[in-house]
Amino acid sequence: MTQKIIDFPTVRACLFDVDGLLIDSEDIYSEVTNIILREHGKPDLPWDIKAQLQGRPGPEASEYQERQKALQREKFVNSQPLPGVSTLLHNLANCSTPHVHIALATSSYKVNYEVKTGHLSHIFSIFHDERKVLGDDPRIPSGRGKPLPDIFLLALKTINDGIRRDGIEPEIKPEECLVFEDSVPGIEAGRRAGMRVVWVPHPGLLNEYRGREEQVLAGLTEQHKGERSATGEETGEHIEAVDRNHLQDSPGVVGDGWGELLPSLENFSYEHYGIKLRSP
């Protein structure tokens, strides 16, 4: 397939997932699940199954939900930032020009988010409350989570709302956004929002997609099955002030340059995205 050559604009906004991207909570989720499975005489959850669940909104209910919640409350208070996170967020908050706006877009519900991050204020205080879009945000209708693009479009809207109030700079377009994700549904959601993506997968997840990395970066792993809203539309028209022209009927093509795979956030290249850091 011929590679699509694009003259990309400078990145003006970075949108971050949380679990498995900023903190090590994906390993904690696995630990909790495996504890419960072993209690019932079942084998540990394999990565080929976990890969299908990762990044999506959690179930509304389950037979082991109370045990799961108790274990999560116990374990999540020990979550820690992943390599490179502290430095990356500090640098983005202190870049020279242009200013880079940041927001969170996570499938994690508020109660879990607070338990996972409450002891990490030195990391998460950088995100303004109005720019934290969580999995149970009422502005995202049921069934519209990742891999659909709504959560990233809403995160961008929170940034542009502030830009309009300030009236200092032009609003940010989706192609000026960079989505940071560890999950495959999250990458597809970013691509369907018309944004560039950085995929930082857990080694176990990467092993499941070995040889298909470019498909993931293009959003072509069929995580999205044409889910429709109550109006029959496939895109998030309920999010006000979002330019529907940027929504993607097909996320991308292999090798189109819109996505990058990194082993960790320690290896992020600011220059590649036109981001200039302040001199020491």
C-alpha atoms as a PDB file:
ATOM      1  CA  MET A   1       0.000   0.000   0.000  1.00  0.00           C
ATOM      2  CA  THR A   2       1.337   3.441  -0.911  1.00  0.00           C
ATOM      3  CA  GLN A   3       2.291   5.491   2.137  1.00  0.00           C
ATOM      4  CA  LYS A   4       0.292   8.668   2.534  1.00  0.00           C
ATOM      5  CA  ILE A   5       2.574  11.684   2.954  1.00  0.00           C
ATOM      6  CA  ILE A   6       1.182  14.448   5.168  1.00  0.00           C
ATOM      7  CA  ASP A   7       2.673  17.758   6.246  1.00  0.00           C
ATOM      8  CA  PHE A   8       1.525  17.548   9.861  1.00  0.00           C
ATOM      9  CA  PRO A   9       0.817  20.688  11.888  1.00  0.00           C
ATOM     10  CA  THR A  10       2.556  21.306  15.194  1.00  0.00           C
ATOM     11  CA  VAL A  11       0.921  19.509  18.107  1.00  0.00           C
ATOM     12  CA  ARG A  12      -0.980  21.960  20.319  1.00  0.00           C
ATOM     13  CA  ALA A  13      -2.831  19.527  22.584  1.00  0.00           C
ATOM     14  CA  CYS A  14      -1.923  16.209  24.209  1.00  0.00           C
ATOM     15  CA  LEU A  15      -4.717  13.921  25.419  1.00  0.00           C
ATOM     16  CA  PHE A  16      -3.826  11.164  27.864  1.00  0.00           C
ATOM     17  CA  ASP A  17      -5.323   7.866  28.898  1.00  0.00           C
ATOM     18  CA  VAL A  18      -4.495   6.854  32.499  1.00  0.00           C
ATOM     19  CA  ASP A  19      -4.484   3.094  33.173  1.00  0.00           C
ATOM     20  CA  GLY A  20      -1.379   1.390  31.828  1.00  0.00           C
ATOM     21  CA  LEU A  21      -0.224   4.636  30.219  1.00  0.00           C
ATOM     22  CA  LEU A  22       0.457   7.022  33.088  1.00  0.00           C
ATOM     23  CA  ILE A  23       0.283   4.566  36.000  1.00  0.00           C
ATOM     24  CA  ASP A  24       0.830   0.832  36.463  1.00  0.00           C
ATOM     25  CA  SER A  25      -2.832   0.115  37.255  1.00  0.00           C
ATOM     26  CA  GLU A  26      -3.250  -2.329  34.356  1.00  0.00           C
ATOM     27  CA  ASP A  27      -0.976  -4.739  36.214  1.00  0.00           C
ATOM     28  CA  ILE A  28      -3.094  -4.173  39.328  1.00  0.00           C
ATOM     29  CA  TYR A  29      -6.280  -4.923  37.373  1.00  0.00           C
ATOM     30  CA  SER A  30      -4.675  -8.177  36.244  1.00  0.00           C
ATOM     31  CA  GLU A  31      -3.590  -9.013  39.785  1.00  0.00           C
ATOM     32  CA  VAL A  32      -7.112  -8.440  41.156  1.00  0.00           C
ATOM     33  CA  THR A  33      -8.741 -10.488  38.416  1.00  0.00           C
ATOM     34  CA  ASN A  34      -6.314 -13.350  38.885  1.00  0.00           C
ATOM     35  CA  ILE A  35      -6.835 -13.388  42.655  1.00  0.00           C
ATOM     36  CA  ILE A  36     -10.570 -13.828  42.116  1.00  0.00           C
ATOM     37  CA  LEU A  37     -10.095 -16.441  39.408  1.00  0.00           C
ATOM     38  CA  ARG A  38      -7.789 -18.477  41.652  1.00  0.00           C
ATOM     39  CA  GLU A  39     -10.282 -18.246  44.506  1.00  0.00           C
ATOM     40  CA  HIS A  40     -12.730 -20.009  42.196  1.00  0.00           C
ATOM     41  CA  GLY A  41     -10.196 -22.568  40.984  1.00  0.00           C
ATOM     42  CA  LYS A  42      -9.780 -20.930  37.580  1.00  0.00           C
ATOM     43  CA  PRO A  43      -6.564 -20.197  35.656  1.00  0.00           C
ATOM     44  CA  ASP A  44      -5.142 -16.693  35.372  1.00  0.00           C
ATOM     45  CA  LEU A  45      -6.546 -14.333  32.750  1.00  0.00           C
ATOM     46  CA  PRO A  46      -4.489 -14.736  29.548  1.00  0.00           C
ATOM     47  CA  TRP A  47      -3.381 -11.733  27.535  1.00  0.00           C
ATOM     48  CA  ASP A  48      -5.411 -12.720  24.479  1.00  0.00           C
ATOM     49  CA  ILE A  49      -8.565 -12.214  26.579  1.00  0.00           C
ATOM     50  CA  LYS A  50      -7.300  -9.191  28.508  1.00  0.00           C
ATOM     51  CA  ALA A  51      -6.449  -7.491  25.211  1.00  0.00           C
ATOM     52  CA  GLN A  52     -10.143  -7.602  24.256  1.00  0.00           C
ATOM     53  CA  LEU A  53     -11.202  -5.949  27.525  1.00  0.00           C
ATOM     54  CA  GLN A  54      -8.473  -3.340  27.863  1.00  0.00           C
ATOM     55  CA  GLY A  55      -9.357   0.312  27.383  1.00  0.00           C
ATOM     56  CA  ARG A  56     -13.107  -0.215  27.247  1.00  0.00           C
ATOM     57  CA  PRO A  57     -15.661   0.968  29.823  1.00  0.00           C
ATOM     58  CA  GLY A  58     -16.142  -1.487  32.681  1.00  0.00           C
ATOM     59  CA  PRO A  59     -19.239  -3.667  33.015  1.00  0.00           C
ATOM     60  CA  GLU A  60     -22.229  -2.250  34.816  1.00  0.00           C
ATOM     61  CA  ALA A  61     -22.412  -5.297  37.094  1.00  0.00           C
ATOM     62  CA  SER A  62     -20.864  -8.716  37.625  1.00  0.00           C
ATOM     63  CA  GLU A  63     -21.240 -11.621  40.005  1.00  0.00           C
ATOM     64  CA  TYR A  64     -17.906 -10.895  41.678  1.00  0.00           C
ATOM     65  CA  GLN A  65     -18.199  -7.102  41.631  1.00  0.00           C
ATOM     66  CA  GLU A  66     -18.096  -6.506  45.391  1.00  0.00           C
ATOM     67  CA  ARG A  67     -15.003  -8.671  45.834  1.00  0.00           C
ATOM     68  CA  GLN A  68     -13.432  -6.940  42.862  1.00  0.00           C
ATOM     69  CA  LYS A  69     -14.142  -3.475  44.276  1.00  0.00           C
ATOM     70  CA  ALA A  70     -12.702  -4.391  47.669  1.00  0.00           C
ATOM     71  CA  LEU A  71      -9.484  -5.715  46.155  1.00  0.00           C
ATOM     72  CA  GLN A  72      -9.157  -2.705  43.878  1.00  0.00           C
ATOM     73  CA  ARG A  73      -9.503  -0.292  46.812  1.00  0.00           C
ATOM     74  CA  GLU A  74      -6.788  -2.246  48.602  1.00  0.00           C
ATOM     75  CA  LYS A  75      -4.375  -2.427  45.662  1.00  0.00           C
ATOM     76  CA  PHE A  76      -4.915   0.857  43.801  1.00  0.00           C
ATOM     77  CA  VAL A  77      -3.446   2.944  46.623  1.00  0.00           C
ATOM     78  CA  ASN A  78      -0.098   1.424  45.647  1.00  0.00           C
ATOM     79  CA  SER A  79      -0.221   2.467  41.986  1.00  0.00           C
ATOM     80  CA  GLN A  80       2.873   4.249  40.697  1.00  0.00           C
ATOM     81  CA  PRO A  81       3.762   6.381  37.655  1.00  0.00           C
ATOM     82  CA  LEU A  82       5.219   4.485  34.726  1.00  0.00           C
ATOM     83  CA  PRO A  83       8.692   5.332  33.347  1.00  0.00           C
ATOM     84  CA  GLY A  84       8.988   8.755  31.735  1.00  0.00           C
ATOM     85  CA  VAL A  85       5.590  10.035  32.886  1.00  0.00           C
ATOM     86  CA  SER A  86       6.754  12.645  35.396  1.00  0.00           C
ATOM     87  CA  THR A  87       9.321  14.122  33.029  1.00  0.00           C
ATOM     88  CA  LEU A  88       6.970  14.197  30.039  1.00  0.00           C
ATOM     89  CA  LEU A  89       4.152  15.948  31.888  1.00  0.00           C
ATOM     90  CA  HIS A  90       6.551  18.436  33.469  1.00  0.00           C
ATOM     91  CA  ASN A  91       8.074  19.261  30.094  1.00  0.00           C
ATOM     92  CA  LEU A  92       4.703  19.700  28.395  1.00  0.00           C
ATOM     93  CA  ALA A  93       3.575  22.041  31.156  1.00  0.00           C
ATOM     94  CA  ASN A  94       6.721  24.123  30.728  1.00  0.00           C
ATOM     95  CA  CYS A  95       7.305  24.080  26.980  1.00  0.00           C
ATOM     96  CA  SER A  96       8.226  27.356  25.330  1.00  0.00           C
ATOM     97  CA  THR A  97       6.196  27.910  22.198  1.00  0.00           C
ATOM     98  CA  PRO A  98       3.585  27.109  21.174  1.00  0.00           C
ATOM     99  CA  HIS A  99       1.837  26.408  24.457  1.00  0.00           C
ATOM    100  CA  VAL A 100       0.706  22.774  24.667  1.00  0.00           C
ATOM    101  CA  HIS A 101      -2.669  22.123  26.300  1.00  0.00           C
ATOM    102  CA  ILE A 102      -3.211  18.816  28.082  1.00  0.00           C
ATOM    103  CA  ALA A 103      -6.294  16.831  29.109  1.00  0.00           C
ATOM    104  CA  LEU A 104      -7.239  13.390  30.444  1.00  0.00           C
ATOM    105  CA  ALA A 105      -9.550  11.009  28.594  1.00  0.00           C
ATOM    106  CA  THR A 106      -9.887   7.775  30.543  1.00  0.00           C
ATOM    107  CA  SER A 107     -12.467   4.985  30.665  1.00  0.00           C
ATOM    108  CA  SER A 108     -11.887   4.753  34.418  1.00  0.00           C
ATOM    109  CA  TYR A 109     -14.889   5.756  36.533  1.00  0.00           C
ATOM    110  CA  LYS A 110     -14.501   8.647  38.985  1.00  0.00           C
ATOM    111  CA  VAL A 111     -14.420   6.553  42.169  1.00  0.00           C
ATOM    112  CA  ASN A 112     -11.624   4.340  40.838  1.00  0.00           C
ATOM    113  CA  TYR A 113      -9.754   7.270  39.323  1.00  0.00           C
ATOM    114  CA  GLU A 114      -9.654   9.020  42.701  1.00  0.00           C
ATOM    115  CA  VAL A 115      -8.367   5.912  44.491  1.00  0.00           C
ATOM    116  CA  LYS A 116      -5.699   5.299  41.837  1.00  0.00           C
ATOM    117  CA  THR A 117      -4.449   8.870  41.677  1.00  0.00           C
ATOM    118  CA  GLY A 118      -5.206  10.429  45.076  1.00  0.00           C
ATOM    119  CA  HIS A 119      -1.698   9.685  46.366  1.00  0.00           C
ATOM    120  CA  LEU A 120      -0.108  10.933  43.133  1.00  0.00           C
ATOM    121  CA  SER A 121      -1.069  14.598  43.265  1.00  0.00           C
ATOM    122  CA  HIS A 122       2.461  15.553  42.212  1.00  0.00           C
ATOM    123  CA  ILE A 123       1.628  13.908  38.873  1.00  0.00           C
ATOM    124  CA  PHE A 124      -2.067  14.558  38.326  1.00  0.00           C
ATOM    125  CA  SER A 125      -2.352  18.113  39.686  1.00  0.00           C
ATOM    126  CA  ILE A 126      -1.074  19.219  36.287  1.00  0.00           C
ATOM    127  CA  PHE A 127      -4.487  18.336  34.809  1.00  0.00           C
ATOM    128  CA  HIS A 128      -7.166  20.953  35.491  1.00  0.00           C
ATOM    129  CA  ASP A 129     -10.426  19.496  36.782  1.00  0.00           C
ATOM    130  CA  GLU A 130     -12.405  20.810  33.824  1.00  0.00           C
ATOM    131  CA  ARG A 131     -10.047  18.933  31.508  1.00  0.00           C
ATOM    132  CA  LYS A 132     -10.498  15.516  33.088  1.00  0.00           C
ATOM    133  CA  VAL A 133     -12.955  13.399  31.103  1.00  0.00           C
ATOM    134  CA  LEU A 134     -13.686  10.154  32.946  1.00  0.00           C
ATOM    135  CA  GLY A 135     -15.520   6.995  31.931  1.00  0.00           C
ATOM    136  CA  ASP A 136     -18.741   7.889  33.757  1.00  0.00           C
ATOM    137  CA  ASP A 137     -18.862  11.466  32.474  1.00  0.00           C
ATOM    138  CA  PRO A 138     -22.580  12.173  31.847  1.00  0.00           C
ATOM    139  CA  ARG A 139     -21.713  13.987  28.627  1.00  0.00           C
ATOM    140  CA  ILE A 140     -20.745  10.628  27.101  1.00  0.00           C
ATOM    141  CA  PRO A 141     -23.903   8.542  26.514  1.00  0.00           C
ATOM    142  CA  SER A 142     -23.960   4.871  27.456  1.00  0.00           C
ATOM    143  CA  GLY A 143     -22.366   2.726  24.783  1.00  0.00           C
ATOM    144  CA  ARG A 144     -20.235   5.561  23.387  1.00  0.00           C
ATOM    145  CA  GLY A 145     -16.928   4.676  25.076  1.00  0.00           C
ATOM    146  CA  LYS A 146     -13.704   3.672  23.354  1.00  0.00           C
ATOM    147  CA  PRO A 147     -13.169   2.581  20.571  1.00  0.00           C
ATOM    148  CA  LEU A 148     -15.659   5.267  19.539  1.00  0.00           C
ATOM    149  CA  PRO A 149     -14.146   8.759  19.377  1.00  0.00           C
ATOM    150  CA  ASP A 150     -16.466  10.631  21.737  1.00  0.00           C
ATOM    151  CA  ILE A 151     -14.183  10.769  24.789  1.00  0.00           C
ATOM    152  CA  PHE A 152     -11.309  12.365  22.869  1.00  0.00           C
ATOM    153  CA  LEU A 153     -13.589  14.787  21.060  1.00  0.00           C
ATOM    154  CA  LEU A 154     -15.039  15.814  24.415  1.00  0.00           C
ATOM    155  CA  ALA A 155     -11.553  16.238  25.890  1.00  0.00           C
ATOM    156  CA  LEU A 156     -10.674  18.529  22.979  1.00  0.00           C
ATOM    157  CA  LYS A 157     -13.912  20.434  23.523  1.00  0.00           C
ATOM    158  CA  THR A 158     -12.957  21.137  27.143  1.00  0.00           C
ATOM    159  CA  ILE A 159      -9.708  22.673  25.897  1.00  0.00           C
ATOM    160  CA  ASN A 160     -11.372  24.732  23.178  1.00  0.00           C
ATOM    161  CA  ASP A 161     -13.998  26.005  25.621  1.00  0.00           C
ATOM    162  CA  GLY A 162     -11.168  27.567  27.621  1.00  0.00           C
ATOM    163  CA  ILE A 163      -9.482  28.927  24.505  1.00  0.00           C
ATOM    164  CA  ARG A 164     -12.714  30.635  23.454  1.00  0.00           C
ATOM    165  CA  ARG A 165     -13.072  32.216  26.902  1.00  0.00           C
ATOM    166  CA  ASP A 166      -9.528  33.552  26.832  1.00  0.00           C
ATOM    167  CA  GLY A 167      -9.708  34.724  23.225  1.00  0.00           C
ATOM    168  CA  ILE A 168      -5.914  34.680  22.864  1.00  0.00           C
ATOM    169  CA  GLU A 169      -5.312  31.899  20.358  1.00  0.00           C
ATOM    170  CA  PRO A 170      -7.280  30.038  17.670  1.00  0.00           C
ATOM    171  CA  GLU A 171      -9.173  26.905  18.603  1.00  0.00           C
ATOM    172  CA  ILE A 172      -7.355  23.590  18.265  1.00  0.00           C
ATOM    173  CA  LYS A 173      -8.239  21.231  15.441  1.00  0.00           C
ATOM    174  CA  PRO A 174      -8.254  17.425  15.879  1.00  0.00           C
ATOM    175  CA  GLU A 175      -5.204  17.021  13.654  1.00  0.00           C
ATOM    176  CA  GLU A 176      -3.304  19.293  16.071  1.00  0.00           C
ATOM    177  CA  CYS A 177      -3.975  16.809  18.894  1.00  0.00           C
ATOM    178  CA  LEU A 178      -1.779  13.917  19.991  1.00  0.00           C
ATOM    179  CA  VAL A 179      -3.454  11.015  21.803  1.00  0.00           C
ATOM    180  CA  PHE A 180      -1.346   8.917  24.191  1.00  0.00           C
ATOM    181  CA  GLU A 181      -2.767   5.415  24.704  1.00  0.00           C
ATOM    182  CA  ASP A 182      -1.729   1.946  25.780  1.00  0.00           C
ATOM    183  CA  SER A 183      -4.865   0.091  24.613  1.00  0.00           C
ATOM    184  CA  VAL A 184      -5.896  -0.930  21.118  1.00  0.00           C
ATOM    185  CA  PRO A 185      -9.488   0.403  21.446  1.00  0.00           C
ATOM    186  CA  GLY A 186      -8.028   3.689  22.674  1.00  0.00           C
ATOM    187  CA  ILE A 187      -5.807   3.986  19.624  1.00  0.00           C
ATOM    188  CA  GLU A 188      -8.767   3.368  17.325  1.00  0.00           C
ATOM    189  CA  ALA A 189     -10.797   5.970  19.227  1.00  0.00           C
ATOM    190  CA  GLY A 190      -8.027   8.517  18.709  1.00  0.00           C
ATOM    191  CA  ARG A 191      -7.765   7.766  15.014  1.00  0.00           C
ATOM    192  CA  ARG A 192     -11.540   7.973  14.573  1.00  0.00           C
ATOM    193  CA  ALA A 193     -11.423  11.390  16.232  1.00  0.00           C
ATOM    194  CA  GLY A 194      -9.062  12.526  13.462  1.00  0.00           C
ATOM    195  CA  MET A 195      -6.076  12.803  15.817  1.00  0.00           C
ATOM    196  CA  ARG A 196      -2.497  11.575  15.785  1.00  0.00           C
ATOM    197  CA  VAL A 197      -1.664   8.790  18.216  1.00  0.00           C
ATOM    198  CA  VAL A 198       1.206   7.430  20.299  1.00  0.00           C
ATOM    199  CA  TRP A 199       0.798   3.777  21.305  1.00  0.00           C
ATOM    200  CA  VAL A 200       2.694   2.666  24.432  1.00  0.00           C
ATOM    201  CA  PRO A 201       1.483  -0.923  24.985  1.00  0.00           C
ATOM    202  CA  HIS A 202       2.212  -3.288  27.849  1.00  0.00           C
ATOM    203  CA  PRO A 203       4.734  -5.927  26.640  1.00  0.00           C
ATOM    204  CA  GLY A 204       2.051  -8.595  27.041  1.00  0.00           C
ATOM    205  CA  LEU A 205      -0.340  -6.671  24.811  1.00  0.00           C
ATOM    206  CA  LEU A 206       2.335  -5.923  22.239  1.00  0.00           C
ATOM    207  CA  ASN A 207       3.096  -9.629  22.018  1.00  0.00           C
ATOM    208  CA  GLU A 208      -0.554 -10.303  21.148  1.00  0.00           C
ATOM    209  CA  TYR A 209      -0.349  -7.861  18.222  1.00  0.00           C
ATOM    210  CA  ARG A 210       3.131  -8.796  17.026  1.00  0.00           C
ATOM    211  CA  GLY A 211       3.217  -8.298  13.261  1.00  0.00           C
ATOM    212  CA  ARG A 212       0.052  -6.175  13.337  1.00  0.00           C
ATOM    213  CA  GLU A 213       1.538  -3.049  14.890  1.00  0.00           C
ATOM    214  CA  GLU A 214       0.853  -0.890  11.839  1.00  0.00           C
ATOM    215  CA  GLN A 215      -2.757  -2.060  11.758  1.00  0.00           C
ATOM    216  CA  VAL A 216      -3.170  -0.937  15.349  1.00  0.00           C
ATOM    217  CA  LEU A 217      -1.643   2.474  14.624  1.00  0.00           C
ATOM    218  CA  ALA A 218      -4.028   2.917  11.692  1.00  0.00           C
ATOM    219  CA  GLY A 219      -7.009   1.919  13.850  1.00  0.00           C
ATOM    220  CA  LEU A 220      -7.767  -1.046  11.601  1.00  0.00           C
ATOM    221  CA  THR A 221      -8.081  -3.904  14.103  1.00  0.00           C
ATOM    222  CA  GLU A 222     -11.901  -3.835  13.940  1.00  0.00           C
ATOM    223  CA  GLN A 223     -12.406  -2.824  17.563  1.00  0.00           C
ATOM    224  CA  HIS A 224     -15.262  -0.667  16.276  1.00  0.00           C
ATOM    225  CA  LYS A 225     -18.137  -2.721  14.894  1.00  0.00           C
ATOM    226  CA  GLY A 226     -20.330   0.097  13.688  1.00  0.00           C
ATOM    227  CA  GLU A 227     -22.032   0.757  17.031  1.00  0.00           C
ATOM    228  CA  ARG A 228     -24.788   3.286  16.604  1.00  0.00           C
ATOM    229  CA  SER A 229     -26.350   5.785  18.922  1.00  0.00           C
ATOM    230  CA  ALA A 230     -30.084   6.018  19.518  1.00  0.00           C
ATOM    231  CA  THR A 231     -30.326   8.385  16.553  1.00  0.00           C
ATOM    232  CA  GLY A 232     -28.699   5.835  14.255  1.00  0.00           C
ATOM    233  CA  GLU A 233     -25.566   7.908  13.802  1.00  0.00           C
ATOM    234  CA  GLU A 234     -22.060   6.445  14.121  1.00  0.00           C
ATOM    235  CA  THR A 235     -20.363   9.663  15.198  1.00  0.00           C
ATOM    236  CA  GLY A 236     -20.737  11.898  18.257  1.00  0.00           C
ATOM    237  CA  GLU A 237     -23.051  14.612  17.079  1.00  0.00           C
ATOM    238  CA  HIS A 238     -24.314  15.066  20.647  1.00  0.00           C
ATOM    239  CA  ILE A 239     -21.032  16.756  21.596  1.00  0.00           C
ATOM    240  CA  GLU A 240     -21.597  20.418  20.882  1.00  0.00           C
ATOM    241  CA  ALA A 241     -19.101  22.573  18.982  1.00  0.00           C
ATOM    242  CA  VAL A 242     -17.248  19.597  17.510  1.00  0.00           C
ATOM    243  CA  ASP A 243     -16.528  19.855  13.800  1.00  0.00           C
ATOM    244  CA  ARG A 244     -18.060  16.669  12.353  1.00  0.00           C
ATOM    245  CA  ASN A 245     -15.890  17.023   9.245  1.00  0.00           C
ATOM    246  CA  HIS A 246     -12.961  15.704  11.288  1.00  0.00           C
ATOM    247  CA  LEU A 247     -14.695  12.469  12.305  1.00  0.00           C
ATOM    248  CA  GLN A 248     -13.303   9.455  10.478  1.00  0.00           C
ATOM    249  CA  ASP A 249     -15.548   6.958   8.645  1.00  0.00           C
ATOM    250  CA  SER A 250     -12.412   4.836   8.309  1.00  0.00           C
ATOM    251  CA  PRO A 251      -9.628   5.548  10.811  1.00  0.00           C
ATOM    252  CA  GLY A 252      -6.632   5.418   8.496  1.00  0.00           C
ATOM    253  CA  VAL A 253      -4.416   3.349   6.251  1.00  0.00           C
ATOM    254  CA  VAL A 254      -1.360   1.315   7.145  1.00  0.00           C
ATOM    255  CA  GLY A 255       1.792   3.428   7.090  1.00  0.00           C
ATOM    256  CA  ASP A 256      -0.008   6.784   6.869  1.00  0.00           C
ATOM    257  CA  GLY A 257       2.251   8.350   9.516  1.00  0.00           C
ATOM    258  CA  TRP A 258      -0.521   9.317  11.949  1.00  0.00           C
ATOM    259  CA  GLY A 259       0.655   6.869  14.634  1.00  0.00           C
ATOM    260  CA  GLU A 260       3.848   6.019  16.503  1.00  0.00           C
ATOM    261  CA  LEU A 261       4.741   2.998  18.643  1.00  0.00           C
ATOM    262  CA  LEU A 262       6.938   3.607  21.703  1.00  0.00           C
ATOM    263  CA  PRO A 263       8.216   1.153  24.325  1.00  0.00           C
ATOM    264  CA  SER A 264       7.767   3.784  27.054  1.00  0.00           C
ATOM    265  CA  LEU A 265       7.185   7.499  27.512  1.00  0.00           C
ATOM    266  CA  GLU A 266      10.889   7.872  28.249  1.00  0.00           C
ATOM    267  CA  ASN A 267      11.490   7.751  24.504  1.00  0.00           C
ATOM    268  CA  PHE A 268       9.157  10.570  23.442  1.00  0.00           C
ATOM    269  CA  SER A 269      10.583  12.931  20.809  1.00  0.00           C
ATOM    270  CA  TYR A 270       9.274  16.465  21.300  1.00  0.00           C
ATOM    271  CA  GLU A 271      10.955  17.721  18.139  1.00  0.00           C
ATOM    272  CA  HIS A 272       9.078  15.173  16.015  1.00  0.00           C
ATOM    273  CA  TYR A 273       5.813  16.897  16.940  1.00  0.00           C
ATOM    274  CA  GLY A 274       7.064  20.477  16.751  1.00  0.00           C
ATOM    275  CA  ILE A 275       7.117  20.904  20.546  1.00  0.00           C
ATOM    276  CA  LYS A 276       9.913  23.159  21.782  1.00  0.00           C
ATOM    277  CA  LEU A 277      11.063  22.867  25.396  1.00  0.00           C
ATOM    278  CA  ARG A 278      12.332  25.740  27.501  1.00  0.00           C
ATOM    279  CA  SER A 279      16.078  26.027  27.793  1.00  0.00           C
ATOM    280  CA  PRO A 280      17.427  24.719  31.137  1.00  0.00           C
END
